Amino acid sequence: QVQLVESGGGLVQPGGTLRLSCVASGSIFSINTMGWYRQAPGKQRELVATVTSSGSTNYADSVKGRFTISRDNAKNTVYLQMSSLKPEDTAFYFCRYHDTLFRDYWGQGTQVTVSS
């Protein structure tokens, strides 16, 4: 089992910044992918960004140039630095872990609200 705990969400004004963190614990396999997904009310969950254990990243087009995903393998933590936030970034943000053992886990999520 792998447990994921997200933190860092909150209310921010348009144009502002936030940093989300997700700490993984439990039986973590060294070859894995961690990432962030989001779900706005009435919409499907969508990919925001992912990063593999080797450092390869992938971003949704809507966040490229504004969000940066990174990870600290020693701390089993993935970060999402969000800047130039827009009201349409408002959503519940979920952390995901999956690995080459075909295990797939999600965190409980953290709310991000972008509003003036």
Protein backbone atom coordinates (compact mmCIF):
# COMPACT_ATOMS: atom_id res chain seq x y z
CA GLN A 1 0.00 0.00 0.00
CA VAL A 2 1.03 3.58 -0.66
CA GLN A 3 -0.48 6.51 1.16
CA LEU A 4 -0.54 10.00 -0.33
CA VAL A 5 -1.09 13.20 1.63
CA GLU A 6 -1.54 16.48 -0.19
CA SER A 7 -1.15 19.96 1.24
CA GLY A 8 -0.83 23.55 0.12
CA GLY A 9 -4.21 24.32 -1.37
CA GLY A 10 -6.17 27.42 -0.57
CA LEU A 11 -7.65 30.64 -1.84
CA VAL A 12 -5.53 32.86 -4.07
CA GLN A 13 -6.21 35.87 -6.24
CA PRO A 14 -5.90 35.69 -10.02
CA GLY A 15 -2.28 36.04 -11.02
CA GLY A 16 -1.12 34.63 -7.71
CA THR A 17 0.97 31.62 -6.84
CA LEU A 18 0.54 28.46 -4.78
CA ARG A 19 2.65 25.41 -4.17
CA LEU A 20 1.11 22.02 -3.62
CA SER A 21 2.96 19.17 -1.95
CA CYS A 22 2.24 15.47 -1.90
CA VAL A 23 4.08 13.11 0.42
CA ALA A 24 4.04 9.41 -0.36
CA SER A 25 4.60 6.77 2.28
CA GLY A 26 4.37 3.02 2.52
CA SER A 27 5.73 0.43 0.09
CA ILE A 28 7.04 2.75 -2.58
CA PHE A 29 8.64 1.16 -5.59
CA SER A 30 11.66 2.94 -6.97
CA ILE A 31 10.32 3.13 -10.54
CA ASN A 32 7.15 5.14 -10.39
CA THR A 33 5.28 8.12 -11.72
CA MET A 34 3.69 10.74 -9.52
CA GLY A 35 1.49 13.51 -10.67
CA TRP A 36 -1.29 15.97 -10.14
CA TYR A 37 -4.79 15.82 -11.52
CA ARG A 38 -7.69 18.16 -10.95
CA GLN A 39 -11.43 18.08 -11.02
CA ALA A 40 -13.67 21.10 -11.20
CA PRO A 41 -17.37 20.93 -10.30
CA GLY A 42 -19.34 19.27 -13.05
CA LYS A 43 -16.24 18.31 -15.00
CA GLN A 44 -14.18 15.18 -15.42
CA ARG A 45 -10.89 14.71 -13.64
CA GLU A 46 -8.03 15.81 -15.86
CA LEU A 47 -4.28 15.51 -15.91
CA VAL A 48 -2.32 18.57 -14.79
CA ALA A 49 1.26 17.31 -14.71
CA THR A 50 3.26 14.17 -14.06
CA VAL A 51 6.87 13.38 -13.27
CA THR A 52 8.59 10.03 -13.38
CA SER A 53 11.14 8.80 -10.87
CA SER A 54 13.81 9.52 -13.50
CA GLY A 55 12.63 13.11 -13.84
CA SER A 56 10.67 13.13 -17.07
CA THR A 57 7.75 15.53 -16.97
CA ASN A 58 4.48 15.93 -18.81
CA TYR A 59 2.06 18.86 -18.66
CA ALA A 60 -1.43 19.64 -19.80
CA ASP A 61 -1.40 22.32 -22.47
CA SER A 62 -3.53 24.55 -20.26
CA VAL A 63 -0.81 24.82 -17.61
CA LYS A 64 2.37 24.79 -19.66
CA GLY A 65 4.54 27.76 -18.84
CA ARG A 66 2.62 28.48 -15.63
CA PHE A 67 2.95 25.32 -13.55
CA THR A 68 6.09 23.39 -12.69
CA ILE A 69 6.14 19.87 -11.29
CA SER A 70 9.13 18.57 -9.40
CA ARG A 71 9.97 15.82 -6.98
CA ASP A 72 12.36 14.94 -4.21
CA ASN A 73 12.90 11.20 -4.35
CA ALA A 74 14.71 11.17 -1.02
CA LYS A 75 11.60 12.62 0.62
CA ASN A 76 9.10 10.76 -1.59
CA THR A 77 7.49 14.11 -2.26
CA VAL A 78 6.15 15.71 -5.40
CA TYR A 79 5.49 19.42 -5.73
CA LEU A 80 3.38 21.52 -8.03
CA GLN A 81 4.42 25.14 -8.25
CA MET A 82 1.53 27.09 -9.71
CA SER A 83 1.91 30.65 -10.92
CA SER A 84 -0.14 33.10 -12.94
CA LEU A 85 -3.20 31.36 -11.59
CA LYS A 86 -6.50 31.85 -13.35
CA PRO A 87 -10.08 31.40 -12.12
CA GLU A 88 -10.34 28.39 -14.43
CA ASP A 89 -7.61 26.69 -12.39
CA THR A 90 -10.11 26.42 -9.55
CA ALA A 91 -10.57 22.74 -8.79
CA PHE A 92 -9.88 19.95 -6.37
CA TYR A 93 -6.31 18.82 -6.97
CA PHE A 94 -5.40 15.18 -6.47
CA CYS A 95 -2.03 13.52 -6.19
CA ARG A 96 -1.53 10.20 -7.95
CA TYR A 97 1.12 7.51 -7.66
CA HIS A 98 1.48 4.57 -10.00
CA ASP A 99 4.34 2.20 -10.67
CA THR A 100 5.56 -0.63 -12.88
CA LEU A 101 4.00 -3.14 -10.49
CA PHE A 102 0.66 -1.84 -11.80
CA ARG A 103 -0.28 -0.31 -8.49
CA ASP A 104 -2.25 2.92 -8.63
CA TYR A 105 -3.08 5.17 -5.68
CA TRP A 106 -4.76 8.53 -5.22
CA GLY A 107 -4.64 11.06 -2.44
CA GLN A 108 -7.65 12.68 -0.81
CA GLY A 109 -7.13 15.94 -2.66
CA THR A 110 -6.78 19.59 -1.80
CA GLN A 111 -8.95 22.49 -2.90
CA VAL A 112 -7.50 25.33 -4.95
CA THR A 113 -9.70 28.37 -5.44
CA VAL A 114 -8.64 31.28 -7.63
CA SER A 115 -10.86 34.25 -7.03
CA SER A 116 -10.72 37.95 -6.31
